[in-house]
């Protein structure tokens, strides 16, 4: 059974940092695209960043470029989202997602394109 388990969320002051982790089990996602989405109350789920597990190419939404970094550790089957210079508008539930694809992450920014999802981890940034 495929499982994506997020961790690392919490409460942080504006300007601070957090690192989210997404541990993958149940299959090998070497041919896949892994992504982070976020969803604030009353809003739609929004793309944040994606990475190809093989090769490591990445893509970010404009609002997090230069502040967030997505990476993966093949040995640990884990994807990370390093979040620096956090802002109150980054407050949301953050979700890890995976999809089998040989495409560029640039083309995978819609939630409907992903089959596998984690349960989410809450990030709250205070002003």
Protein backbone atom coordinates (compact mmCIF):
# COMPACT_ATOMS: atom_id res chain seq x y z
CA UNK A 1 0.00 0.00 0.00
CA UNK A 2 1.39 3.36 -1.03
CA UNK A 3 1.85 5.85 1.78
CA UNK A 4 3.10 9.43 1.85
CA UNK A 5 3.63 10.75 5.37
CA UNK A 6 4.41 14.42 5.94
CA UNK A 7 6.07 15.86 9.01
CA UNK A 8 7.87 19.01 10.13
CA UNK A 9 5.06 21.53 10.27
CA UNK A 10 4.56 23.92 13.16
CA UNK A 11 4.28 27.49 14.35
CA UNK A 12 7.05 29.93 13.38
CA UNK A 13 7.50 33.68 13.36
CA UNK A 14 7.71 35.63 10.13
CA UNK A 15 11.21 35.44 8.73
CA UNK A 16 11.82 32.03 10.25
CA UNK A 17 12.40 28.63 8.67
CA UNK A 18 10.88 25.17 8.65
CA UNK A 19 11.77 21.96 6.83
CA UNK A 20 8.95 19.64 5.80
CA UNK A 21 9.56 15.97 5.11
CA UNK A 22 7.55 13.49 3.04
CA UNK A 23 8.43 9.87 3.68
CA UNK A 24 7.39 7.50 0.90
CA UNK A 25 6.63 3.81 1.43
CA UNK A 26 4.91 1.00 -0.45
CA UNK A 27 6.61 1.49 -3.81
CA UNK A 28 9.57 3.09 -5.48
CA UNK A 29 8.84 6.41 -7.08
CA UNK A 30 12.05 6.67 -9.11
CA UNK A 31 10.14 7.45 -12.32
CA UNK A 32 7.84 9.87 -10.60
CA UNK A 33 7.27 13.53 -9.97
CA UNK A 34 6.96 14.51 -6.32
CA UNK A 35 5.28 17.75 -5.35
CA UNK A 36 4.23 19.95 -2.47
CA UNK A 37 0.87 21.71 -2.45
CA UNK A 38 -0.69 23.93 0.18
CA UNK A 39 -4.23 24.81 1.13
CA UNK A 40 -5.43 27.64 3.35
CA UNK A 41 -8.92 27.59 4.89
CA UNK A 42 -11.58 28.47 2.33
CA UNK A 43 -9.12 28.41 -0.56
CA UNK A 44 -8.25 25.95 -3.30
CA UNK A 45 -5.23 23.68 -3.06
CA UNK A 46 -2.27 25.51 -4.57
CA UNK A 47 0.90 24.20 -6.19
CA UNK A 48 4.12 25.06 -4.36
CA UNK A 49 7.01 23.04 -5.84
CA UNK A 50 7.80 19.80 -7.67
CA UNK A 51 10.83 17.62 -8.36
CA UNK A 52 11.58 14.70 -10.65
CA UNK A 53 12.88 11.88 -8.49
CA UNK A 54 15.25 10.77 -11.22
CA UNK A 55 17.48 13.64 -12.34
CA UNK A 56 16.24 16.12 -9.77
CA UNK A 57 14.80 18.80 -12.05
CA UNK A 58 12.61 21.21 -10.11
CA UNK A 59 9.88 23.80 -10.60
CA UNK A 60 8.46 26.39 -8.18
CA UNK A 61 5.49 28.67 -8.07
CA UNK A 62 6.58 32.32 -8.34
CA UNK A 63 5.60 33.28 -4.80
CA UNK A 64 8.14 30.90 -3.21
CA UNK A 65 11.05 31.16 -5.64
CA UNK A 66 14.23 32.10 -3.79
CA UNK A 67 12.69 31.20 -0.40
CA UNK A 68 11.72 27.51 -0.68
CA UNK A 69 13.85 24.59 -1.85
CA UNK A 70 12.54 21.14 -2.77
CA UNK A 71 14.95 18.20 -2.63
CA UNK A 72 14.96 14.42 -2.30
CA UNK A 73 17.02 11.74 -0.58
CA UNK A 74 16.97 8.51 -2.58
CA UNK A 75 18.44 6.43 0.24
CA UNK A 76 15.75 7.57 2.67
CA UNK A 77 12.87 7.63 0.14
CA UNK A 78 12.09 11.09 1.42
CA UNK A 79 11.29 14.43 -0.22
CA UNK A 80 11.93 17.70 1.61
CA UNK A 81 10.67 21.25 1.41
CA UNK A 82 13.04 23.73 3.03
CA UNK A 83 11.11 26.92 3.72
CA UNK A 84 13.07 30.07 4.57
CA UNK A 85 12.03 33.70 5.02
CA UNK A 86 8.53 32.56 5.86
CA UNK A 87 5.66 35.02 5.59
CA UNK A 88 2.19 35.00 7.22
CA UNK A 89 0.71 34.32 3.77
CA UNK A 90 2.58 30.99 3.72
CA UNK A 91 0.24 29.77 6.47
CA UNK A 92 -1.60 26.67 5.20
CA UNK A 93 -1.83 22.91 5.36
CA UNK A 94 1.03 21.48 3.26
CA UNK A 95 0.50 18.28 1.31
CA UNK A 96 2.93 15.94 -0.41
CA UNK A 97 1.84 14.31 -3.69
CA UNK A 98 3.25 11.80 -6.18
CA UNK A 99 2.50 10.82 -9.74
CA UNK A 100 4.13 8.48 -12.23
CA UNK A 101 5.44 10.58 -15.09
CA UNK A 102 8.51 11.02 -17.25
CA UNK A 103 7.58 14.62 -17.95
CA UNK A 104 9.09 17.88 -16.71
CA UNK A 105 7.68 19.05 -13.34
CA UNK A 106 6.72 22.32 -15.05
CA UNK A 107 3.74 20.49 -16.59
CA UNK A 108 2.50 19.03 -13.28
CA UNK A 109 1.08 21.88 -11.22
CA UNK A 110 -2.59 20.86 -10.89
CA UNK A 111 -3.82 18.74 -7.97
CA UNK A 112 -5.90 16.56 -10.32
CA UNK A 113 -2.69 15.38 -12.00
CA UNK A 114 -1.51 13.57 -8.87
CA UNK A 115 -2.75 10.15 -7.76
CA UNK A 116 -1.08 9.76 -4.38
CA UNK A 117 -1.40 12.19 -1.46
CA UNK A 118 -0.26 12.48 2.13
CA UNK A 119 -2.46 13.58 5.02
CA UNK A 120 -0.86 17.01 5.32
CA UNK A 121 1.04 18.98 7.92
CA UNK A 122 0.06 22.43 9.21
CA UNK A 123 2.37 25.42 8.86
CA UNK A 124 1.44 28.61 10.72
CA UNK A 125 3.50 31.78 10.34
CA UNK A 126 2.83 34.54 12.85
CA UNK A 127 3.46 38.21 12.10
